[in-house]
C-alpha atoms as a PDB file:
ATOM      1  CA  MET A   1      -4.147   1.658 -18.335  1.00  0.00           C
ATOM      2  CA  LEU A   2      -6.543   0.050 -20.030  1.00  0.00           C
ATOM      3  CA  HIS A   3      -6.050   1.132 -23.106  1.00  0.00           C
ATOM      4  CA  ASP A   4      -2.172   1.045 -23.251  1.00  0.00           C
ATOM      5  CA  LEU A   5      -2.814  -2.995 -21.742  1.00  0.00           C
ATOM      6  CA  ARG A   6      -4.805  -3.517 -24.655  1.00  0.00           C
ATOM      7  CA  LYS A   7      -2.004  -2.240 -27.461  1.00  0.00           C
ATOM      8  CA  PRO A   8      -0.298  -5.205 -29.183  1.00  0.00           C
ATOM      9  CA  ASP A   9       2.919  -3.362 -27.817  1.00  0.00           C
ATOM     10  CA  LEU A  10       3.241  -2.000 -24.207  1.00  0.00           C
ATOM     11  CA  PRO A  11       4.142   1.751 -23.267  1.00  0.00           C
ATOM     12  CA  PRO A  12       7.625   1.275 -21.690  1.00  0.00           C
ATOM     13  CA  GLN A  13       6.696   1.866 -18.505  1.00  0.00           C
ATOM     14  CA  ARG A  14       3.641  -0.483 -18.552  1.00  0.00           C
ATOM     15  CA  ALA A  15       5.879  -3.163 -20.283  1.00  0.00           C
ATOM     16  CA  ALA A  16       8.250  -2.767 -17.427  1.00  0.00           C
ATOM     17  CA  ALA A  17       6.005  -3.029 -14.743  1.00  0.00           C
ATOM     18  CA  VAL A  18       4.776  -6.474 -16.054  1.00  0.00           C
ATOM     19  CA  GLN A  19       8.543  -7.658 -16.705  1.00  0.00           C
ATOM     20  CA  ALA A  20       9.228  -6.308 -12.915  1.00  0.00           C
ATOM     21  CA  ILE A  21       6.180  -8.225 -11.173  1.00  0.00           C
ATOM     22  CA  ALA A  22       6.419 -11.267 -13.252  1.00  0.00           C
ATOM     23  CA  ALA A  23      10.289 -11.284 -12.243  1.00  0.00           C
ATOM     24  CA  LEU A  24       9.326 -11.082  -8.714  1.00  0.00           C
ATOM     25  CA  ASN A  25       6.746 -14.463  -8.959  1.00  0.00           C
ATOM     26  CA  ALA A  26       5.331 -14.196  -5.802  1.00  0.00           C
ATOM     27  CA  ASP A  27       2.651 -16.535  -4.520  1.00  0.00           C
ATOM     28  CA  VAL A  28       0.516 -13.037  -3.874  1.00  0.00           C
ATOM     29  CA  ILE A  29       1.285  -9.564  -4.675  1.00  0.00           C
ATOM     30  CA  LEU A  30      -0.379  -6.711  -3.476  1.00  0.00           C
ATOM     31  CA  LEU A  31      -0.241  -3.594  -6.002  1.00  0.00           C
ATOM     32  CA  THR A  32      -0.445  -0.145  -4.675  1.00  0.00           C
ATOM     33  CA  GLY A  33      -1.083   3.467  -7.310  1.00  0.00           C
ATOM     34  CA  ILE A  34      -3.199   1.086 -10.179  1.00  0.00           C
ATOM     35  CA  ASP A  35      -6.564   2.695 -10.923  1.00  0.00           C
ATOM     36  CA  TYR A  36      -9.683   1.229 -10.154  1.00  0.00           C
ATOM     37  CA  ASP A  37     -12.703   0.684 -12.604  1.00  0.00           C
ATOM     38  CA  LEU A  38     -16.058  -0.843 -11.337  1.00  0.00           C
ATOM     39  CA  LYS A  39     -15.681  -4.678 -13.793  1.00  0.00           C
ATOM     40  CA  GLY A  40     -12.125  -4.638 -12.707  1.00  0.00           C
ATOM     41  CA  GLU A  41     -11.253  -4.966 -16.556  1.00  0.00           C
ATOM     42  CA  ALA A  42      -7.746  -3.126 -15.947  1.00  0.00           C
ATOM     43  CA  LEU A  43      -6.735  -5.689 -13.584  1.00  0.00           C
ATOM     44  CA  ALA A  44      -7.881  -8.565 -15.412  1.00  0.00           C
ATOM     45  CA  ALA A  45      -6.169  -6.772 -18.447  1.00  0.00           C
ATOM     46  CA  LEU A  46      -3.148  -6.980 -16.563  1.00  0.00           C
ATOM     47  CA  ALA A  47      -3.542 -10.353 -15.152  1.00  0.00           C
ATOM     48  CA  ALA A  48      -3.448 -11.444 -19.200  1.00  0.00           C
ATOM     49  CA  LYS A  49      -0.458  -9.650 -19.700  1.00  0.00           C
ATOM     50  CA  LEU A  50       1.018 -11.174 -16.728  1.00  0.00           C
ATOM     51  CA  ALA A  51       0.108 -14.597 -17.727  1.00  0.00           C
ATOM     52  CA  GLU A  52       1.492 -14.451 -21.477  1.00  0.00           C
ATOM     53  CA  SER A  53       4.936 -13.297 -19.590  1.00  0.00           C
ATOM     54  CA  GLY A  54       4.532 -16.941 -17.267  1.00  0.00           C
ATOM     55  CA  ALA A  55       3.372 -15.402 -14.159  1.00  0.00           C
ATOM     56  CA  ASP A  56      -0.199 -16.929 -13.988  1.00  0.00           C
ATOM     57  CA  TYR A  57      -2.407 -14.840 -11.423  1.00  0.00           C
ATOM     58  CA  PRO A  58      -5.686 -16.764 -11.663  1.00  0.00           C
ATOM     59  CA  TYR A  59      -7.365 -15.281  -8.830  1.00  0.00           C
ATOM     60  CA  PHE A  60      -7.355 -11.269  -8.748  1.00  0.00           C
ATOM     61  CA  ILE A  61      -9.329  -8.922  -6.839  1.00  0.00           C
ATOM     62  CA  PRO A  62      -9.846  -4.899  -8.023  1.00  0.00           C
ATOM     63  CA  LEU A  63      -9.857  -2.815  -4.358  1.00  0.00           C
ATOM     64  CA  ARG A  64     -12.503   0.379  -4.425  1.00  0.00           C
ATOM     65  CA  PRO A  65     -10.476   3.081  -3.224  1.00  0.00           C
ATOM     66  CA  ASN A  66     -11.448   6.555  -1.368  1.00  0.00           C
ATOM     67  CA  THR A  67      -9.381   8.625  -4.158  1.00  0.00           C
ATOM     68  CA  GLY A  68     -11.370  10.873  -6.094  1.00  0.00           C
ATOM     69  CA  VAL A  69     -14.819  10.000  -4.408  1.00  0.00           C
ATOM     70  CA  PRO A  70     -15.810  13.303  -3.166  1.00  0.00           C
ATOM     71  CA  THR A  71     -16.485  14.819  -0.155  1.00  0.00           C
ATOM     72  CA  GLY A  72     -19.062  17.805  -1.050  1.00  0.00           C
ATOM     73  CA  ARG A  73     -16.934  19.962   0.650  1.00  0.00           C
ATOM     74  CA  ASP A  74     -14.385  22.891  -0.469  1.00  0.00           C
ATOM     75  CA  LEU A  75     -11.567  21.153   1.263  1.00  0.00           C
ATOM     76  CA  ASP A  76      -8.770  23.216  -0.262  1.00  0.00           C
ATOM     77  CA  GLY A  77     -10.596  26.801   0.143  1.00  0.00           C
ATOM     78  CA  ASN A  78     -10.768  27.701  -2.891  1.00  0.00           C
ATOM     79  CA  GLY A  79     -14.399  28.296  -3.824  1.00  0.00           C
ATOM     80  CA  LYS A  80     -14.829  25.310  -5.767  1.00  0.00           C
ATOM     81  CA  LEU A  81     -16.366  21.936  -5.442  1.00  0.00           C
ATOM     82  CA  GLY A  82     -15.633  18.633  -7.332  1.00  0.00           C
ATOM     83  CA  GLU A  83     -11.836  19.437  -7.339  1.00  0.00           C
ATOM     84  CA  ALA A  84      -9.023  16.406  -6.786  1.00  0.00           C
ATOM     85  CA  ARG A  85      -8.214  18.260  -3.546  1.00  0.00           C
ATOM     86  CA  ASP A  86     -11.964  17.977  -2.611  1.00  0.00           C
ATOM     87  CA  ALA A  87     -12.180  14.009  -2.682  1.00  0.00           C
ATOM     88  CA  GLN A  88     -11.916  11.695  -0.119  1.00  0.00           C
ATOM     89  CA  GLY A  89      -8.150  10.827  -0.841  1.00  0.00           C
ATOM     90  CA  TRP A  90      -6.844  12.873  -3.773  1.00  0.00           C
ATOM     91  CA  GLY A  91      -7.600  11.940  -7.206  1.00  0.00           C
ATOM     92  CA  ARG A  92      -8.720  13.442 -10.524  1.00  0.00           C
ATOM     93  CA  PHE A  93     -11.499  10.818 -10.897  1.00  0.00           C
ATOM     94  CA  PRO A  94     -13.063   8.053  -8.783  1.00  0.00           C
ATOM     95  CA  GLY A  95     -10.852   4.964  -8.616  1.00  0.00           C
ATOM     96  CA  GLU A  96      -7.824   6.777  -9.687  1.00  0.00           C
ATOM     97  CA  GLY A  97      -4.473   5.399  -7.783  1.00  0.00           C
ATOM     98  CA  GLY A  98      -6.502   2.678  -5.881  1.00  0.00           C
ATOM     99  CA  MET A  99      -5.109  -1.070  -4.698  1.00  0.00           C
ATOM    100  CA  ALA A 100      -5.092  -4.467  -6.049  1.00  0.00           C
ATOM    101  CA  VAL A 101      -4.453  -7.924  -5.455  1.00  0.00           C
ATOM    102  CA  LEU A 102      -2.756 -10.482  -7.601  1.00  0.00           C
ATOM    103  CA  SER A 103      -2.833 -14.401  -6.040  1.00  0.00           C
ATOM    104  CA  LYS A 104      -2.182 -18.036  -6.872  1.00  0.00           C
ATOM    105  CA  LEU A 105      -4.267 -19.024  -4.225  1.00  0.00           C
ATOM    106  CA  PRO A 106      -7.717 -18.465  -4.328  1.00  0.00           C
ATOM    107  CA  ILE A 107      -9.527 -14.981  -2.949  1.00  0.00           C
ATOM    108  CA  ASP A 108     -12.620 -15.328  -0.254  1.00  0.00           C
ATOM    109  CA  ALA A 109     -15.051 -12.892  -1.450  1.00  0.00           C
ATOM    110  CA  GLU A 110     -15.913 -12.244   2.392  1.00  0.00           C
ATOM    111  CA  LEU A 111     -13.412  -9.783   2.713  1.00  0.00           C
ATOM    112  CA  ARG A 112     -13.620  -6.318   5.149  1.00  0.00           C
ATOM    113  CA  ASP A 113     -13.455  -3.153   3.425  1.00  0.00           C
ATOM    114  CA  PHE A 114     -12.657  -0.683   6.411  1.00  0.00           C
ATOM    115  CA  SER A 115     -12.362   2.325   3.720  1.00  0.00           C
ATOM    116  CA  GLY A 116     -15.465   4.057   4.721  1.00  0.00           C
ATOM    117  CA  PHE A 117     -14.483   4.450   8.322  1.00  0.00           C
ATOM    118  CA  LEU A 118     -14.526   8.269   9.516  1.00  0.00           C
ATOM    119  CA  TRP A 119     -11.651   9.613  10.800  1.00  0.00           C
ATOM    120  CA  ALA A 120     -12.917  11.693  13.755  1.00  0.00           C
ATOM    121  CA  ASP A 121     -14.317   8.589  14.941  1.00  0.00           C
ATOM    122  CA  LEU A 122     -10.751   6.914  15.524  1.00  0.00           C
ATOM    123  CA  PRO A 123      -9.774   7.087  19.060  1.00  0.00           C
ATOM    124  CA  GLY A 124      -7.451  10.007  19.871  1.00  0.00           C
ATOM    125  CA  SER A 125      -7.663  11.191  16.586  1.00  0.00           C
ATOM    126  CA  LEU A 126      -5.477  13.976  14.991  1.00  0.00           C
ATOM    127  CA  ILE A 127      -8.373  15.663  12.612  1.00  0.00           C
ATOM    128  CA  PRO A 128      -8.187  19.415  13.227  1.00  0.00           C
ATOM    129  CA  ASP A 129     -11.138  20.664  15.240  1.00  0.00           C
ATOM    130  CA  ALA A 130     -12.224  22.956  12.468  1.00  0.00           C
ATOM    131  CA  ASP A 131     -11.391  20.688   9.418  1.00  0.00           C
ATOM    132  CA  PRO A 132     -14.111  21.650   7.125  1.00  0.00           C
ATOM    133  CA  ALA A 133     -15.157  17.840   6.195  1.00  0.00           C
ATOM    134  CA  ARG A 134     -15.194  16.914   9.903  1.00  0.00           C
ATOM    135  CA  ASP A 135     -18.331  14.982   9.828  1.00  0.00           C
ATOM    136  CA  VAL A 136     -18.015  13.693   6.542  1.00  0.00           C
ATOM    137  CA  GLN A 137     -14.339  12.515   5.753  1.00  0.00           C
ATOM    138  CA  ARG A 138     -13.138   9.050   5.357  1.00  0.00           C
ATOM    139  CA  LEU A 139      -9.678   8.209   7.768  1.00  0.00           C
ATOM    140  CA  HIS A 140      -7.479   5.990   4.752  1.00  0.00           C
ATOM    141  CA  THR A 141      -7.318   8.266   1.785  1.00  0.00           C
ATOM    142  CA  THR A 142      -6.500   5.259  -0.489  1.00  0.00           C
ATOM    143  CA  GLY A 143      -8.062   2.213   1.293  1.00  0.00           C
ATOM    144  CA  ALA A 144      -7.470  -0.275   4.001  1.00  0.00           C
ATOM    145  CA  TYR A 145      -9.188  -4.191   3.847  1.00  0.00           C
ATOM    146  CA  GLU A 146      -8.918  -7.243   4.817  1.00  0.00           C
ATOM    147  CA  VAL A 147      -8.228  -9.854   2.305  1.00  0.00           C
ATOM    148  CA  PRO A 148      -8.803 -13.977   3.311  1.00  0.00           C
ATOM    149  CA  LEU A 149      -6.684 -15.979   1.083  1.00  0.00           C
ATOM    150  CA  LEU A 150      -7.723 -19.518   0.954  1.00  0.00           C
ATOM    151  CA  LEU A 151      -5.010 -22.081   2.063  1.00  0.00           C
ATOM    152  CA  PRO A 152      -4.729 -25.722   0.164  1.00  0.00           C
ATOM    153  CA  ASP A 153      -5.300 -27.043   3.311  1.00  0.00           C
ATOM    154  CA  GLY A 154      -8.493 -25.254   4.089  1.00  0.00           C
ATOM    155  CA  GLN A 155      -6.985 -22.747   6.557  1.00  0.00           C
ATOM    156  CA  THR A 156      -7.376 -18.987   5.831  1.00  0.00           C
ATOM    157  CA  LEU A 157      -4.496 -16.113   5.374  1.00  0.00           C
ATOM    158  CA  ARG A 158      -5.686 -12.598   6.260  1.00  0.00           C
ATOM    159  CA  LEU A 159      -4.142  -9.778   3.920  1.00  0.00           C
ATOM    160  CA  LEU A 160      -4.497  -6.577   5.944  1.00  0.00           C
ATOM    161  CA  ALA A 161      -3.908  -4.014   2.752  1.00  0.00           C
ATOM    162  CA  PHE A 162      -3.871  -0.398   2.801  1.00  0.00           C
ATOM    163  CA  TYR A 163      -1.875   2.291   1.114  1.00  0.00           C
ATOM    164  CA  ALA A 164      -1.648   5.808   3.011  1.00  0.00           C
ATOM    165  CA  SER A 165      -1.023   8.936   1.389  1.00  0.00           C
ATOM    166  CA  PRO A 166       2.107  10.866   1.618  1.00  0.00           C
ATOM    167  CA  PRO A 167       2.427  12.935   4.731  1.00  0.00           C
ATOM    168  CA  VAL A 168       3.557  16.317   2.967  1.00  0.00           C
ATOM    169  CA  PHE A 169       1.874  18.810   0.397  1.00  0.00           C
ATOM    170  CA  ASP A 170       0.008  20.870   2.657  1.00  0.00           C
ATOM    171  CA  GLY A 171       0.720  23.986   4.991  1.00  0.00           C
ATOM    172  CA  PRO A 172       1.504  24.603   8.363  1.00  0.00           C
ATOM    173  CA  GLU A 173      -1.960  23.285   9.630  1.00  0.00           C
ATOM    174  CA  ASP A 174      -0.041  19.092   8.750  1.00  0.00           C
ATOM    175  CA  ARG A 175      -3.402  17.757   7.648  1.00  0.00           C
ATOM    176  CA  ASN A 176      -1.749  15.499   5.262  1.00  0.00           C
ATOM    177  CA  GLY A 177       0.904  14.676   8.396  1.00  0.00           C
ATOM    178  CA  ARG A 178      -2.217  14.159  10.540  1.00  0.00           C
ATOM    179  CA  ARG A 179      -4.207  11.902   8.692  1.00  0.00           C
ATOM    180  CA  ASN A 180      -1.115   9.953   7.362  1.00  0.00           C
ATOM    181  CA  HIS A 181      -0.158   9.065  11.254  1.00  0.00           C
ATOM    182  CA  ASP A 182      -4.070   8.207  11.803  1.00  0.00           C
ATOM    183  CA  GLU A 183      -4.004   5.814   8.838  1.00  0.00           C
ATOM    184  CA  THR A 184      -1.185   3.862  10.819  1.00  0.00           C
ATOM    185  CA  ALA A 185      -2.502   4.148  14.109  1.00  0.00           C
ATOM    186  CA  PHE A 186      -5.553   2.309  12.680  1.00  0.00           C
ATOM    187  CA  TRP A 187      -4.140  -0.430  12.654  1.00  0.00           C
ATOM    188  CA  LEU A 188      -3.091  -0.397  16.456  1.00  0.00           C
ATOM    189  CA  HIS A 189      -6.533   0.210  17.657  1.00  0.00           C
ATOM    190  CA  LEU A 190      -7.850  -2.981  15.180  1.00  0.00           C
ATOM    191  CA  LEU A 191      -5.252  -5.379  16.640  1.00  0.00           C
ATOM    192  CA  ALA A 192      -6.016  -3.915  20.351  1.00  0.00           C
ATOM    193  CA  GLY A 193      -9.935  -4.669  19.459  1.00  0.00           C
ATOM    194  CA  ASP A 194     -10.449  -1.118  20.481  1.00  0.00           C
ATOM    195  CA  LEU A 195     -12.643  -0.586  17.139  1.00  0.00           C
ATOM    196  CA  PRO A 196     -16.154  -1.335  16.301  1.00  0.00           C
ATOM    197  CA  ASP A 197     -14.642  -3.821  14.007  1.00  0.00           C
ATOM    198  CA  ASP A 198     -13.095  -7.269  15.471  1.00  0.00           C
ATOM    199  CA  ALA A 199      -9.513  -7.947  15.958  1.00  0.00           C
ATOM    200  CA  PRO A 200      -8.154  -9.945  12.980  1.00  0.00           C
ATOM    201  CA  LYS A 201      -8.157 -13.522  13.311  1.00  0.00           C
ATOM    202  CA  ALA A 202      -4.271 -14.983  13.187  1.00  0.00           C
ATOM    203  CA  PRO A 203      -2.907 -15.949  10.627  1.00  0.00           C
ATOM    204  CA  PHE A 204      -2.506 -12.628   9.059  1.00  0.00           C
ATOM    205  CA  VAL A 205      -0.070 -10.031   7.229  1.00  0.00           C
ATOM    206  CA  LEU A 206      -0.083  -6.716   7.333  1.00  0.00           C
ATOM    207  CA  LEU A 207       1.021  -5.400   4.421  1.00  0.00           C
ATOM    208  CA  GLY A 208       1.265  -1.929   2.193  1.00  0.00           C
ATOM    209  CA  GLN A 209       2.563   1.123   1.576  1.00  0.00           C
ATOM    210  CA  THR A 210       2.691   3.556   4.622  1.00  0.00           C
ATOM    211  CA  SER A 211       4.376   6.775   2.282  1.00  0.00           C
ATOM    212  CA  LEU A 212       6.459   7.137   5.728  1.00  0.00           C
ATOM    213  CA  ASP A 213       9.885   6.366   6.366  1.00  0.00           C
ATOM    214  CA  PRO A 214      10.119   5.114  10.498  1.00  0.00           C
ATOM    215  CA  VAL A 215      13.613   7.075  10.861  1.00  0.00           C
ATOM    216  CA  ASP A 216      14.101   9.650   7.507  1.00  0.00           C
ATOM    217  CA  GLY A 217      12.257  12.018   6.149  1.00  0.00           C
ATOM    218  CA  GLU A 218       9.001  14.556   6.757  1.00  0.00           C
ATOM    219  CA  GLY A 219       6.325  12.999   8.764  1.00  0.00           C
ATOM    220  CA  ARG A 220       4.772  11.923  12.042  1.00  0.00           C
ATOM    221  CA  PRO A 221       5.998   8.219  12.960  1.00  0.00           C
ATOM    222  CA  GLU A 222       4.993   7.773  15.686  1.00  0.00           C
ATOM    223  CA  ALA A 223       2.312   5.157  15.274  1.00  0.00           C
ATOM    224  CA  LEU A 224       4.404   3.409  12.706  1.00  0.00           C
ATOM    225  CA  ARG A 225       7.002   2.499  14.765  1.00  0.00           C
ATOM    226  CA  SER A 226       4.791   1.665  17.605  1.00  0.00           C
ATOM    227  CA  LEU A 227       3.241  -0.990  14.224  1.00  0.00           C
ATOM    228  CA  LEU A 228       6.976  -1.937  13.514  1.00  0.00           C
ATOM    229  CA  ARG A 229       7.410  -3.392  17.066  1.00  0.00           C
ATOM    230  CA  HIS A 230       4.018  -4.790  17.912  1.00  0.00           C
ATOM    231  CA  PRO A 231       3.728  -7.770  20.251  1.00  0.00           C
ATOM    232  CA  ALA A 232       1.642  -9.426  17.638  1.00  0.00           C
ATOM    233  CA  LEU A 233       3.572  -8.702  14.583  1.00  0.00           C
ATOM    234  CA  GLN A 234       7.068  -9.088  12.971  1.00  0.00           C
ATOM    235  CA  ASP A 235       9.239  -6.658  11.304  1.00  0.00           C
ATOM    236  CA  PRO A 236      11.934  -9.497   9.177  1.00  0.00           C
ATOM    237  CA  GLY A 237      13.517  -6.786   7.647  1.00  0.00           C
ATOM    238  CA  PRO A 238      15.190  -6.969   4.660  1.00  0.00           C
ATOM    239  CA  LYS A 239      18.743  -8.790   5.137  1.00  0.00           C
ATOM    240  CA  GLY A 240      21.739  -7.740   3.547  1.00  0.00           C
ATOM    241  CA  SER A 241      23.473  -4.725   1.780  1.00  0.00           C
ATOM    242  CA  ALA A 242      22.252  -2.424  -0.680  1.00  0.00           C
ATOM    243  CA  ASP A 243      23.686  -0.986  -3.899  1.00  0.00           C
ATOM    244  CA  HIS A 244      22.880   3.043  -3.078  1.00  0.00           C
ATOM    245  CA  SER A 245      23.528   5.013  -0.176  1.00  0.00           C
ATOM    246  CA  ASP A 246      21.781   8.072   1.959  1.00  0.00           C
ATOM    247  CA  PRO A 247      24.399  10.345   2.975  1.00  0.00           C
ATOM    248  CA  GLY A 248      23.082  11.967   5.875  1.00  0.00           C
ATOM    249  CA  GLN A 249      20.149   9.883   6.503  1.00  0.00           C
ATOM    250  CA  LYS A 250      20.013   7.285   9.686  1.00  0.00           C
ATOM    251  CA  GLY A 251      18.323   4.696   8.146  1.00  0.00           C
ATOM    252  CA  ASP A 252      19.729   1.446   7.044  1.00  0.00           C
ATOM    253  CA  PRO A 253      19.713   1.835   2.740  1.00  0.00           C
ATOM    254  CA  ALA A 254      18.936  -2.131   2.835  1.00  0.00           C
ATOM    255  CA  LEU A 255      15.760  -1.628   4.269  1.00  0.00           C
ATOM    256  CA  ASP A 256      14.761   0.832   1.511  1.00  0.00           C
ATOM    257  CA  THR A 257      11.676   0.384  -0.943  1.00  0.00           C
ATOM    258  CA  ALA A 258      11.900   3.645  -2.731  1.00  0.00           C
ATOM    259  CA  LEU A 259      14.428   6.020  -4.104  1.00  0.00           C
ATOM    260  CA  TYR A 260      13.367   9.786  -4.612  1.00  0.00           C
ATOM    261  CA  ASP A 261      15.043  12.447  -5.899  1.00  0.00           C
ATOM    262  CA  GLY A 262      16.515  14.912  -3.724  1.00  0.00           C
ATOM    263  CA  LEU A 263      15.410  12.434  -1.004  1.00  0.00           C
ATOM    264  CA  GLY A 264      17.262   9.465  -1.471  1.00  0.00           C
ATOM    265  CA  GLY A 265      16.186   5.839  -0.150  1.00  0.00           C
ATOM    266  CA  LEU A 266      13.231   5.871   1.966  1.00  0.00           C
ATOM    267  CA  ARG A 267      11.400   2.581   3.063  1.00  0.00           C
ATOM    268  CA  VAL A 268       7.589   3.615   2.864  1.00  0.00           C
ATOM    269  CA  GLU A 269       6.552  -0.174   2.392  1.00  0.00           C
ATOM    270  CA  VAL A 270       6.258  -2.695   5.060  1.00  0.00           C
ATOM    271  CA  ILE A 271       5.335  -6.735   5.249  1.00  0.00           C
ATOM    272  CA  LEU A 272       4.759  -7.828   8.874  1.00  0.00           C
ATOM    273  CA  PRO A 273       3.392 -11.491   9.397  1.00  0.00           C
ATOM    274  CA  SER A 274       1.560 -12.081  12.604  1.00  0.00           C
ATOM    275  CA  ALA A 275       3.858 -13.598  15.279  1.00  0.00           C
ATOM    276  CA  ASP A 276       2.467 -17.118  14.760  1.00  0.00           C
ATOM    277  CA  LEU A 277       4.178 -16.983  11.251  1.00  0.00           C
ATOM    278  CA  VAL A 278       7.660 -18.543  10.658  1.00  0.00           C
ATOM    279  CA  VAL A 279       9.648 -15.836   8.216  1.00  0.00           C
ATOM    280  CA  ASP A 280      11.993 -17.882   6.381  1.00  0.00           C
ATOM    281  CA  GLY A 281      13.382 -14.886   4.431  1.00  0.00           C
ATOM    282  CA  ALA A 282      12.578 -11.052   3.461  1.00  0.00           C
ATOM    283  CA  GLY A 283      14.065  -8.325   0.716  1.00  0.00           C
ATOM    284  CA  VAL A 284      13.836  -5.947  -1.127  1.00  0.00           C
ATOM    285  CA  LEU A 285      14.051  -6.976  -5.449  1.00  0.00           C
ATOM    286  CA  TRP A 286      16.901  -3.992  -5.881  1.00  0.00           C
ATOM    287  CA  PRO A 287      19.326  -5.640  -7.860  1.00  0.00           C
ATOM    288  CA  PRO A 288      23.016  -4.264  -8.267  1.00  0.00           C
ATOM    289  CA  ASP A 289      22.978  -1.374 -11.384  1.00  0.00           C
ATOM    290  CA  THR A 290      24.815  -3.959 -13.569  1.00  0.00           C
ATOM    291  CA  ASP A 291      22.023  -6.219 -13.368  1.00  0.00           C
ATOM    292  CA  PRO A 292      19.570  -5.695 -16.411  1.00  0.00           C
ATOM    293  CA  LEU A 293      16.559  -5.942 -14.149  1.00  0.00           C
ATOM    294  CA  ALA A 294      18.209  -2.979 -12.741  1.00  0.00           C
ATOM    295  CA  ALA A 295      16.702  -0.718 -15.117  1.00  0.00           C
ATOM    296  CA  THR A 296      13.577  -2.588 -15.920  1.00  0.00           C
ATOM    297  CA  LEU A 297      12.445  -1.446 -12.312  1.00  0.00           C
ATOM    298  CA  ALA A 298      13.620   1.714 -12.388  1.00  0.00           C
ATOM    299  CA  THR A 299      11.587   2.498 -15.575  1.00  0.00           C
ATOM    300  CA  ALA A 300       8.524   0.462 -13.887  1.00  0.00           C
ATOM    301  CA  SER A 301       8.332   2.939 -10.598  1.00  0.00           C
ATOM    302  CA  ARG A 302      10.706   4.703  -8.216  1.00  0.00           C
ATOM    303  CA  HIS A 303       9.262   1.660  -5.716  1.00  0.00           C
ATOM    304  CA  ARG A 304      10.681  -1.731  -5.741  1.00  0.00           C
ATOM    305  CA  PRO A 305       9.006  -4.697  -4.691  1.00  0.00           C
ATOM    306  CA  LEU A 306       8.992  -5.402  -1.021  1.00  0.00           C
ATOM    307  CA  TRP A 307       8.951  -9.312  -0.392  1.00  0.00           C
ATOM    308  CA  VAL A 308       8.881 -11.793   2.241  1.00  0.00           C
ATOM    309  CA  ASP A 309       8.474 -15.998   2.386  1.00  0.00           C
ATOM    310  CA  LEU A 310       6.871 -17.531   4.504  1.00  0.00           C
ATOM    311  CA  THR A 311       5.602 -21.037   6.660  1.00  0.00           C
ATOM    312  CA  LEU A 312       2.496 -21.467   6.418  1.00  0.00           C
ATOM    313  CA  PRO A 313       1.129 -23.232   9.791  1.00  0.00           C
END
């Protein structure tokens, strides 16, 4: 990615991603699926390209993921160590497909990193008793962070950012499905105050990629459904109609945030403001096919940007 971003002419997918982010023009954006490097050079290069496109993000922070970090265990049972499937989260190298925050608001360096939390330590954890990495397996496949943003009046708005793994790509043991469920359940326990880490202070926004639709597709949606109706949170949900349909699905297409071949649209991202915040609007940047931006977004990613407008206290 860094190599591509340093080229005078960006490859089509990279160029489309820059155009899509610039079109969104959010004050703060959480990116998922972006490679992490220790010095943040890739993210800095992306921020520079965005500034050239008129979307200036002077504050940005790469969030170190669990992807590609070795467990030292043979998780896939093929007799080999150090492969992508043997890592804390699937990754061919440490940092592949991580997370980052771009912001027009200053970012407080005193963030909280929950990514080292062990799966087995979650109350009611669904990790199998015979799991070969039970004593070292981290819960979060990619990461979970509290990122404080400094508001103009001196208050702090906290982003509770996460990126969960898909609940598929395994066998009847359903290890991925169990882990995906518990990655969401982590936030339920954090909000309840029954983890070693303190519950977040309001105002905050819980946002990220769930990789799970609460109604359609595969997986264990119980924890996600509980999160969506949690009294400390709001689920504004995009309003209006969608320019696509999902035959055979139960969910509202207007809520979809990604389009998958063979599956159709799914709601696999959420933005859930704390109950004290005023929500002025919410939606998915998913223009009709007749809009030139539609082709740009489709080239950038199978995912579409989810947005929420807030009035801050």
